[in-house]
N, C-alpha and C. Protein backbone atom coordinates (compact mmCIF):
# COMPACT_ATOMS: atom_id res chain seq x y z
N MET A 1 131.41 87.21 93.65
CA MET A 1 130.82 88.49 93.99
C MET A 1 130.36 87.68 95.88
N LEU A 2 130.27 89.06 96.40
CA LEU A 2 130.38 88.45 97.79
C LEU A 2 128.73 88.80 97.82
N ILE A 3 127.65 89.14 98.39
CA ILE A 3 126.38 89.44 99.31
C ILE A 3 126.31 88.81 100.19
N MET A 4 125.99 90.08 100.93
CA MET A 4 125.56 89.73 101.99
C MET A 4 124.03 89.34 102.88
N GLY A 5 123.33 88.65 102.60
CA GLY A 5 121.69 88.22 103.82
C GLY A 5 121.38 88.71 104.86
N ILE A 6 120.83 89.68 104.82
CA ILE A 6 120.08 90.19 106.26
C ILE A 6 118.19 89.43 106.77
N ASP A 7 118.66 89.23 108.49
CA ASP A 7 117.27 88.79 109.05
C ASP A 7 116.98 89.80 109.45
N PRO A 8 116.14 91.25 109.21
CA PRO A 8 115.71 92.37 110.26
C PRO A 8 115.89 92.48 111.86
N GLY A 9 115.89 92.83 111.66
CA GLY A 9 115.10 92.72 113.87
C GLY A 9 115.85 93.97 114.67
N TYR A 10 115.55 93.66 115.49
CA TYR A 10 115.97 94.97 116.23
C TYR A 10 117.10 94.41 117.99
N ALA A 11 115.52 93.55 118.32
CA ALA A 11 116.78 92.94 119.64
C ALA A 11 118.04 91.84 118.92
N THR A 12 118.07 90.83 117.84
CA THR A 12 118.55 89.83 117.17
C THR A 12 118.50 90.07 115.46
N VAL A 13 119.59 90.43 115.50
CA VAL A 13 119.61 90.79 113.76
C VAL A 13 121.29 89.87 112.94
N GLY A 14 120.57 88.72 112.36
CA GLY A 14 121.21 87.50 111.96
C GLY A 14 121.47 88.58 109.84
N TYR A 15 122.48 87.83 110.20
CA TYR A 15 123.54 88.37 109.17
C TYR A 15 124.10 87.41 108.74
N GLY A 16 124.54 86.93 107.26
CA GLY A 16 125.23 86.72 106.15
C GLY A 16 126.29 87.14 105.55
N ILE A 17 127.55 86.67 105.17
CA ILE A 17 128.26 87.27 104.10
C ILE A 17 128.57 86.19 103.32
N ILE A 18 128.41 85.22 102.07
CA ILE A 18 128.57 84.66 100.54
C ILE A 18 128.99 84.94 99.99
N SER A 19 129.58 83.81 99.17
CA SER A 19 130.71 84.07 98.00
C SER A 19 130.06 83.79 97.05
N PHE A 20 129.64 83.88 95.90
CA PHE A 20 129.64 83.25 94.54
C PHE A 20 130.28 83.15 93.60
N GLU A 21 130.75 82.63 92.77
CA GLU A 21 131.96 82.13 91.81
C GLU A 21 131.51 80.86 91.15
N ASN A 22 131.32 81.51 89.98
CA ASN A 22 131.26 80.14 89.32
C ASN A 22 130.18 79.73 89.84
N GLY A 23 129.02 79.96 90.14
CA GLY A 23 127.84 79.15 90.70
C GLY A 23 127.75 78.13 91.97
N LYS A 24 128.96 78.73 92.38
CA LYS A 24 129.10 77.73 93.68
C LYS A 24 129.12 78.82 94.66
N LEU A 25 128.56 78.15 95.46
CA LEU A 25 128.31 79.23 97.34
C LEU A 25 129.52 78.79 98.26
N LYS A 26 129.43 80.20 99.26
CA LYS A 26 130.62 79.53 99.81
C LYS A 26 130.66 80.78 101.29
N ALA A 27 130.42 80.24 102.52
CA ALA A 27 130.14 80.87 104.21
C ALA A 27 131.88 81.78 103.67
N VAL A 28 131.19 83.15 104.20
CA VAL A 28 132.21 84.04 104.33
C VAL A 28 133.05 84.33 105.60
N ASP A 29 131.94 84.55 106.23
CA ASP A 29 131.16 85.48 107.71
C ASP A 29 129.20 85.29 108.24
N TYR A 30 129.49 84.64 108.99
CA TYR A 30 128.29 84.84 109.59
C TYR A 30 127.68 85.19 110.89
N GLY A 31 127.44 85.86 111.85
CA GLY A 31 126.19 85.97 113.08
C GLY A 31 125.75 86.78 112.81
N SER A 32 125.27 87.48 114.29
CA SER A 32 123.28 88.32 114.71
C SER A 32 125.07 89.50 115.05
N ILE A 33 123.83 90.31 115.35
CA ILE A 33 123.32 91.72 116.26
C ILE A 33 123.25 91.27 117.68
N PHE A 34 123.49 91.27 118.62
CA PHE A 34 122.10 91.04 119.97
C PHE A 34 122.61 92.53 120.12
N THR A 35 120.57 93.62 120.64
CA THR A 35 120.91 95.10 121.13
C THR A 35 120.79 94.18 122.39
N GLU A 36 120.55 94.85 123.47
CA GLU A 36 119.91 95.39 124.78
C GLU A 36 118.70 95.78 125.10
N ALA A 37 117.48 94.55 125.34
CA ALA A 37 116.72 95.57 126.07
C ALA A 37 115.85 96.27 126.62
N LYS A 38 116.86 97.00 127.51
CA LYS A 38 117.24 97.90 128.89
C LYS A 38 116.78 99.23 127.84
N THR A 39 118.49 98.26 126.39
CA THR A 39 118.77 99.67 126.02
C THR A 39 117.84 100.96 125.06
N PRO A 40 118.13 101.79 125.53
CA PRO A 40 116.81 103.10 124.33
C PRO A 40 117.12 102.49 123.07
N PHE A 41 115.90 102.79 122.83
CA PHE A 41 115.42 101.87 121.28
C PHE A 41 116.43 103.39 119.82
N PRO A 42 116.76 104.37 120.67
CA PRO A 42 116.97 104.50 119.54
C PRO A 42 118.89 104.78 120.14
N ALA A 43 119.25 104.73 120.79
CA ALA A 43 120.21 104.24 121.34
C ALA A 43 121.00 102.22 120.41
N ARG A 44 119.44 101.28 120.48
CA ARG A 44 119.58 100.27 120.03
C ARG A 44 119.85 100.37 118.54
N LEU A 45 119.46 101.63 117.50
CA LEU A 45 119.65 101.60 116.76
C LEU A 45 121.08 102.05 116.32
N GLU A 46 121.18 102.65 116.60
CA GLU A 46 122.70 102.83 117.18
C GLU A 46 124.07 101.90 116.85
N GLN A 47 124.08 100.86 117.45
CA GLN A 47 124.19 100.21 117.60
C GLN A 47 124.49 98.61 116.25
N ILE A 48 123.21 99.12 116.05
CA ILE A 48 123.05 98.05 114.74
C ILE A 48 123.90 98.14 113.62
N TYR A 49 122.95 99.85 113.48
CA TYR A 49 124.03 100.86 112.79
C TYR A 49 125.45 100.39 112.33
N ASP A 50 125.94 101.18 113.76
CA ASP A 50 128.24 101.34 113.76
C ASP A 50 127.69 99.73 113.06
N ARG A 51 127.81 98.39 114.31
CA ARG A 51 127.86 97.37 113.72
C ARG A 51 127.95 96.66 111.67
N PHE A 52 126.76 96.56 111.68
CA PHE A 52 126.84 97.41 109.74
C PHE A 52 128.24 98.01 109.52
N GLU A 53 128.16 99.41 110.33
CA GLU A 53 129.72 99.44 109.26
C GLU A 53 130.56 98.80 109.82
N GLY A 54 130.75 99.04 110.24
CA GLY A 54 132.17 97.81 110.94
C GLY A 54 132.38 96.39 109.51
N ILE A 55 130.92 96.28 109.38
CA ILE A 55 130.95 94.99 108.48
C ILE A 55 131.22 94.92 106.95
N PHE A 56 130.43 96.75 106.65
CA PHE A 56 130.30 97.20 105.27
C PHE A 56 132.16 97.62 105.23
N GLY A 57 132.71 97.97 106.53
CA GLY A 57 134.84 97.81 106.14
C GLY A 57 135.28 97.14 105.96
N LEU A 58 134.47 96.09 105.96
CA LEU A 58 135.73 94.71 106.26
C LEU A 58 135.19 93.63 105.28
N TYR A 59 134.25 94.07 104.87
CA TYR A 59 134.15 93.94 103.44
C TYR A 59 132.79 93.98 102.22
N LYS A 60 134.15 94.38 100.55
CA LYS A 60 133.32 94.63 100.27
C LYS A 60 131.87 93.59 99.41
N VAL A 61 131.12 94.10 100.08
CA VAL A 61 129.73 93.43 99.15
C VAL A 61 129.46 94.48 98.90
N LYS A 62 129.20 92.89 97.03
CA LYS A 62 128.36 93.90 96.25
C LYS A 62 126.92 94.06 96.53
N VAL A 63 126.08 92.50 97.40
CA VAL A 63 125.04 92.61 97.41
C VAL A 63 124.36 92.47 98.23
N VAL A 64 123.79 93.24 99.00
CA VAL A 64 123.10 92.41 100.09
C VAL A 64 120.96 92.93 100.10
N SER A 65 121.17 91.58 100.00
CA SER A 65 119.03 90.28 100.37
C SER A 65 118.75 90.90 101.40
N VAL A 66 117.88 91.94 101.41
CA VAL A 66 117.17 91.44 103.02
C VAL A 66 115.56 90.84 102.78
N GLU A 67 115.23 90.71 104.25
CA GLU A 67 114.29 89.68 103.74
C GLU A 67 113.33 91.27 104.11
N LYS A 68 111.72 91.06 102.95
CA LYS A 68 110.66 91.97 103.57
C LYS A 68 110.11 91.36 104.73
N LEU A 69 109.80 92.93 104.66
CA LEU A 69 108.39 91.59 105.80
C LEU A 69 107.20 91.67 105.76
N TYR A 70 106.94 91.63 106.85
CA TYR A 70 105.54 90.64 106.87
C TYR A 70 104.70 90.79 108.37
N PHE A 71 103.11 91.68 108.07
CA PHE A 71 103.35 91.92 109.25
C PHE A 71 102.18 90.41 110.76
N GLN A 72 102.90 90.88 111.84
CA GLN A 72 102.13 89.69 112.60
C GLN A 72 100.78 90.79 113.26
N ASN A 73 100.44 90.64 114.57
CA ASN A 73 99.15 90.84 115.52
C ASN A 73 100.52 92.15 115.82
N ASN A 74 101.20 92.00 116.43
CA ASN A 74 101.99 92.95 117.68
C ASN A 74 102.57 94.17 116.63
N GLN A 75 101.52 95.32 116.75
CA GLN A 75 101.33 96.26 115.46
C GLN A 75 102.93 97.33 116.22
N LYS A 76 103.44 97.30 117.90
CA LYS A 76 104.90 97.76 118.45
C LYS A 76 105.43 97.33 117.68
N THR A 77 105.69 95.79 117.51
CA THR A 77 106.89 95.37 117.14
C THR A 77 107.68 95.34 115.49
N ALA A 78 106.08 95.43 115.09
CA ALA A 78 105.99 95.98 113.01
C ALA A 78 106.82 97.09 112.96
N ILE A 79 106.07 98.16 114.24
CA ILE A 79 106.57 99.34 113.55
C ILE A 79 108.52 100.12 113.87
N ASN A 80 109.09 98.73 114.42
CA ASN A 80 110.54 98.85 115.67
C ASN A 80 111.12 97.72 114.47
N VAL A 81 110.77 96.41 114.24
CA VAL A 81 112.13 96.29 112.79
C VAL A 81 112.06 97.06 111.98
N SER A 82 111.16 97.57 111.32
CA SER A 82 110.80 98.56 110.85
C SER A 82 111.55 99.16 110.28
N GLN A 83 111.55 100.49 111.89
CA GLN A 83 112.74 101.64 112.00
C GLN A 83 114.28 100.63 111.43
N ALA A 84 114.48 99.45 112.40
CA ALA A 84 115.33 99.34 112.20
C ALA A 84 116.24 98.02 110.77
N ARG A 85 114.92 98.20 110.18
CA ARG A 85 114.87 97.76 108.65
C ARG A 85 115.90 98.58 107.92
N GLY A 86 115.72 99.68 108.24
CA GLY A 86 115.29 101.09 107.89
C GLY A 86 117.11 101.57 108.06
N VAL A 87 117.81 101.54 108.86
CA VAL A 87 118.87 101.71 109.29
C VAL A 87 119.44 100.96 108.99
N ILE A 88 118.95 98.97 108.33
CA ILE A 88 119.88 98.52 107.58
C ILE A 88 119.92 99.06 106.45
N ILE A 89 119.11 99.10 105.64
CA ILE A 89 119.27 99.47 104.65
C ILE A 89 119.96 100.66 104.17
N LEU A 90 120.07 101.52 105.30
CA LEU A 90 120.81 102.66 105.52
C LEU A 90 121.75 102.75 105.54
N SER A 91 122.88 102.07 105.86
CA SER A 91 124.04 101.26 105.89
C SER A 91 124.91 100.77 105.01
N ALA A 92 123.82 99.80 103.84
CA ALA A 92 124.18 99.49 103.12
C ALA A 92 124.03 100.36 101.95
N GLN A 93 123.27 100.93 101.94
CA GLN A 93 123.57 102.06 100.47
C GLN A 93 124.66 103.17 100.82
N LYS A 94 124.66 103.35 102.29
CA LYS A 94 125.40 104.53 102.38
C LYS A 94 127.36 103.23 101.54
N ALA A 95 127.01 102.08 101.89
CA ALA A 95 128.69 101.50 102.10
C ALA A 95 127.86 100.92 100.05
N GLY A 96 127.72 101.93 99.88
CA GLY A 96 128.04 101.58 98.35
C GLY A 96 127.00 100.51 97.09
N ALA A 97 126.58 99.35 97.85
CA ALA A 97 125.92 97.85 97.73
C ALA A 97 124.56 97.81 97.49
N LYS A 98 123.87 97.38 95.85
CA LYS A 98 123.03 96.58 95.61
C LYS A 98 122.18 96.54 96.54
N ILE A 99 121.07 96.69 97.02
CA ILE A 99 119.77 96.28 98.51
C ILE A 99 118.78 95.58 96.83
N CYS A 100 118.59 94.15 97.83
CA CYS A 100 117.51 93.11 96.92
C CYS A 100 116.51 93.30 97.95
N GLU A 101 115.50 93.06 98.01
CA GLU A 101 114.59 92.37 98.66
C GLU A 101 114.01 90.93 98.03
N TYR A 102 113.51 90.13 99.03
CA TYR A 102 113.10 88.79 98.60
C TYR A 102 111.86 89.19 100.21
N THR A 103 111.07 87.93 99.96
CA THR A 103 109.96 87.82 100.87
C THR A 103 110.57 86.07 101.02
N PRO A 104 109.21 86.32 102.21
CA PRO A 104 109.67 84.46 103.53
C PRO A 104 109.43 83.70 102.48
N LEU A 105 108.24 83.59 101.70
CA LEU A 105 107.94 82.69 100.45
C LEU A 105 109.24 82.83 99.41
N GLU A 106 109.37 84.15 98.94
CA GLU A 106 110.94 83.62 98.29
C GLU A 106 111.73 82.99 98.40
N VAL A 107 112.45 83.34 99.84
CA VAL A 107 113.78 82.70 100.42
C VAL A 107 112.75 81.36 100.17
N LYS A 108 112.15 80.94 101.11
CA LYS A 108 111.65 78.73 101.19
C LYS A 108 111.55 78.52 99.45
N MET A 109 111.53 79.34 99.22
CA MET A 109 111.28 78.53 97.60
C MET A 109 112.65 78.31 96.92
N SER A 110 113.79 79.43 97.04
CA SER A 110 115.27 79.16 96.43
C SER A 110 115.82 77.73 97.41
N VAL A 111 115.65 77.41 98.25
CA VAL A 111 116.63 77.50 99.42
C VAL A 111 116.05 75.43 99.32
N THR A 112 114.61 75.86 99.23
CA THR A 112 114.39 74.61 99.71
C THR A 112 113.13 73.25 98.35
N GLY A 113 112.78 74.79 97.89
CA GLY A 113 112.37 74.10 96.50
C GLY A 113 110.89 74.11 97.00
N ALA A 114 110.23 74.83 97.90
CA ALA A 114 108.60 74.09 98.60
C ALA A 114 108.59 75.55 100.09
N GLY A 115 107.68 76.02 99.45
CA GLY A 115 106.95 77.46 99.49
C GLY A 115 106.54 77.36 101.62
N ARG A 116 106.08 76.25 101.88
CA ARG A 116 105.53 75.63 103.13
C ARG A 116 106.98 75.50 103.44
N ALA A 117 108.38 75.26 103.61
CA ALA A 117 109.37 75.35 103.97
C ALA A 117 109.42 75.42 106.03
N SER A 118 109.66 74.11 106.93
CA SER A 118 109.81 74.09 107.93
C SER A 118 111.29 75.15 107.39
N LYS A 119 111.49 75.95 109.73
CA LYS A 119 112.55 75.66 109.64
C LYS A 119 113.55 75.40 109.68
N ILE A 120 113.01 74.56 110.14
CA ILE A 120 114.48 73.16 110.39
C ILE A 120 114.57 72.56 109.12
N GLN A 121 114.23 72.85 107.88
CA GLN A 121 114.31 72.88 107.16
C GLN A 121 114.67 73.51 106.29
N ILE A 122 114.55 75.34 106.22
CA ILE A 122 115.94 75.83 105.93
C ILE A 122 116.90 75.61 105.73
N MET A 123 117.06 75.94 107.24
CA MET A 123 118.01 75.47 108.56
C MET A 123 119.76 74.52 107.73
N SER A 124 118.16 73.12 107.63
CA SER A 124 119.56 72.21 107.53
C SER A 124 120.02 72.72 106.04
N MET A 125 119.26 73.27 104.18
CA MET A 125 119.12 72.86 103.44
C MET A 125 121.03 74.57 103.34
N VAL A 126 120.69 75.05 104.23
CA VAL A 126 121.64 76.17 104.32
C VAL A 126 123.24 75.96 104.56
N LYS A 127 123.01 74.71 105.33
CA LYS A 127 123.62 73.69 105.94
C LYS A 127 124.68 73.67 105.06
N ARG A 128 124.63 72.41 104.40
CA ARG A 128 124.08 71.49 102.81
C ARG A 128 124.88 72.24 101.63
N LEU A 129 123.83 73.46 101.68
CA LEU A 129 124.48 74.02 100.39
C LEU A 129 125.73 74.91 100.55
N LEU A 130 125.79 75.37 102.11
CA LEU A 130 126.76 75.95 102.35
C LEU A 130 128.46 75.18 102.94
N LEU A 131 127.89 73.67 102.61
CA LEU A 131 129.14 72.75 103.13
C LEU A 131 129.58 73.50 104.66
N LEU A 132 128.81 73.65 105.44
CA LEU A 132 129.13 74.29 107.03
C LEU A 132 129.12 72.56 107.92
N LYS A 133 129.71 73.08 108.90
CA LYS A 133 130.20 71.30 109.80
C LYS A 133 128.43 71.22 110.98
N GLU A 134 128.21 72.64 110.69
CA GLU A 134 127.30 72.38 112.02
C GLU A 134 125.46 73.96 111.14
N ILE A 135 124.41 73.54 112.06
CA ILE A 135 123.63 75.08 111.33
C ILE A 135 124.22 76.00 112.32
N PRO A 136 124.40 77.10 111.66
CA PRO A 136 123.94 77.96 112.08
C PRO A 136 123.47 78.69 113.58
N LYS A 137 124.52 79.40 114.31
CA LYS A 137 122.40 79.75 115.25
C LYS A 137 123.22 81.32 116.22
N PRO A 138 122.03 81.75 115.92
CA PRO A 138 120.63 81.41 116.42
C PRO A 138 119.65 81.55 114.70
N ASP A 139 118.72 81.68 114.74
CA ASP A 139 118.09 81.21 113.55
C ASP A 139 117.68 82.15 113.48
N ASP A 140 117.54 83.02 113.07
CA ASP A 140 118.10 84.17 113.04
C ASP A 140 118.99 84.72 111.77
N THR A 141 120.29 84.02 111.86
CA THR A 141 121.94 83.92 111.66
C THR A 141 121.73 82.67 110.31
N ALA A 142 120.68 81.94 110.67
CA ALA A 142 120.58 80.90 109.64
C ALA A 142 119.16 81.40 108.44
N ASP A 143 119.18 82.21 108.57
CA ASP A 143 117.80 82.99 107.97
C ASP A 143 118.21 83.94 107.41
N ALA A 144 119.80 84.47 108.26
CA ALA A 144 120.34 85.43 107.27
C ALA A 144 120.95 84.86 105.63
N LEU A 145 121.53 83.93 106.59
CA LEU A 145 122.18 82.78 105.32
C LEU A 145 121.79 81.92 104.19
N ALA A 146 120.75 82.65 104.65
CA ALA A 146 119.22 81.76 103.68
C ALA A 146 118.27 82.98 102.45
N VAL A 147 118.40 83.08 103.41
CA VAL A 147 118.44 85.61 102.43
C VAL A 147 119.59 85.36 100.99
N ALA A 148 121.18 85.42 101.63
CA ALA A 148 121.98 85.28 100.22
C ALA A 148 121.33 84.51 99.66
N VAL A 149 121.50 82.76 99.87
CA VAL A 149 121.30 82.17 98.79
C VAL A 149 120.49 82.23 97.82
N CYS A 150 119.47 82.88 98.71
CA CYS A 150 117.97 82.64 97.26
C CYS A 150 118.32 84.09 96.62
N HIS A 151 119.29 84.77 97.17
CA HIS A 151 119.94 86.08 96.03
C HIS A 151 120.55 85.59 94.71
N ALA A 152 122.06 84.28 95.57
CA ALA A 152 122.46 83.55 95.04
C ALA A 152 121.57 82.66 93.77
N GLN A 153 121.44 82.06 94.34
CA GLN A 153 120.12 81.85 93.07
C GLN A 153 119.74 82.30 91.96
N ALA A 154 118.71 82.94 92.64
CA ALA A 154 117.69 83.85 92.14
C ALA A 154 118.84 85.03 90.76
N SER A 155 120.35 85.01 91.38
CA SER A 155 121.21 85.85 89.94
C SER A 155 121.99 84.76 89.36
N GLY A 156 121.82 83.34 89.89
CA GLY A 156 122.56 83.35 89.36
C GLY A 156 121.33 82.36 87.66
N ILE A 157 120.08 82.16 88.10
CA ILE A 157 119.14 82.17 86.66
C ILE A 157 118.64 83.17 85.93
N LYS A 158 119.03 84.55 86.49
CA LYS A 158 119.44 85.63 86.01
C LYS A 158 120.24 86.03 84.86
N ASN A 159 121.44 85.16 85.02
CA ASN A 159 122.22 84.85 83.96
C ASN A 159 122.26 84.25 83.37
N LYS A 160 121.77 82.77 83.25
CA LYS A 160 122.00 81.98 82.75
C LYS A 160 121.20 82.83 81.74
N ILE A 161 118.82 82.79 81.90
CA ILE A 161 118.23 82.85 81.10
C ILE A 161 119.03 84.02 80.29
N LEU A 162 119.83 85.34 80.92
CA LEU A 162 120.05 85.99 79.96
C LEU A 162 121.33 84.88 78.36
N GLU A 163 122.41 84.60 79.70
CA GLU A 163 123.40 83.49 78.67
C GLU A 163 122.58 83.14 77.57
N ARG A 164 120.63 82.45 77.80
CA ARG A 164 120.50 81.20 76.34
C ARG A 164 119.99 82.49 75.77
N GLN A 165 119.27 83.94 76.41
CA GLN A 165 118.32 84.35 75.97
C GLN A 165 119.87 84.96 74.10
N LYS A 166 121.80 85.87 74.80
CA LYS A 166 122.37 85.96 73.96
C LYS A 166 122.41 85.12 73.19
N GLY A 167 123.08 84.22 73.19
CA GLY A 167 122.90 83.08 72.30
C GLY A 167 121.94 82.80 71.12
N VAL A 168 120.53 82.87 71.49
CA VAL A 168 119.32 82.89 71.25
C VAL A 168 119.81 83.91 70.30
N TYR A 169 120.18 85.25 70.48
CA TYR A 169 120.01 86.14 69.63
C TYR A 169 120.66 86.51 68.63
N GLY A 170 122.65 85.74 68.89
CA GLY A 170 123.64 86.15 68.20
C GLY A 170 123.48 84.97 66.93
N ARG A 171 122.74 83.38 67.83
CA ARG A 171 122.24 82.57 66.60
C ARG A 171 121.59 83.34 64.91
N LEU A 172 120.38 84.52 66.19
CA LEU A 172 119.21 85.33 64.58
C LEU A 172 119.95 85.93 64.39
N PHE A 173 121.31 86.58 64.44
CA PHE A 173 121.71 86.76 63.26
C PHE A 173 123.08 86.84 63.45
N LEU A 174 123.48 85.71 62.81
CA LEU A 174 125.07 85.68 62.46
C LEU A 174 124.48 84.79 61.22
């Protein structure tokens, strides 16, 4: 199964595509989409949409996991990131992918086991879990891979629980 993780933004959008087969994680593709500050904002949104449309055309991604936003002090930035996030989710929906959302805390817990993990701890674990030679740059790319790993971990756990339940229920009715 191909999972795409996305760290939403409008100046820099991180994305990472991983495969998750038989409990094994592998990086397939990753990078960032950059838009220039001097470009009118609607054109920046269009650039983000077009790039994701191209990526979805290359890969048959089944699931897109997107980091949920947490709002800081700058309302203008939060509104613009929310708009970019909407464009990203729309492109995933049009590509037929299932969309899952995870909080930064859920991502940190899933990838490192610690909810207060530092950025460098998350990036180091992404490198280690995906057997990469170096930490992906920029940070947005590593964050996107972490969001994808979070979904893989969450879906793997759900599948194990379902298998155990089937086994228990199967024994009860035999």
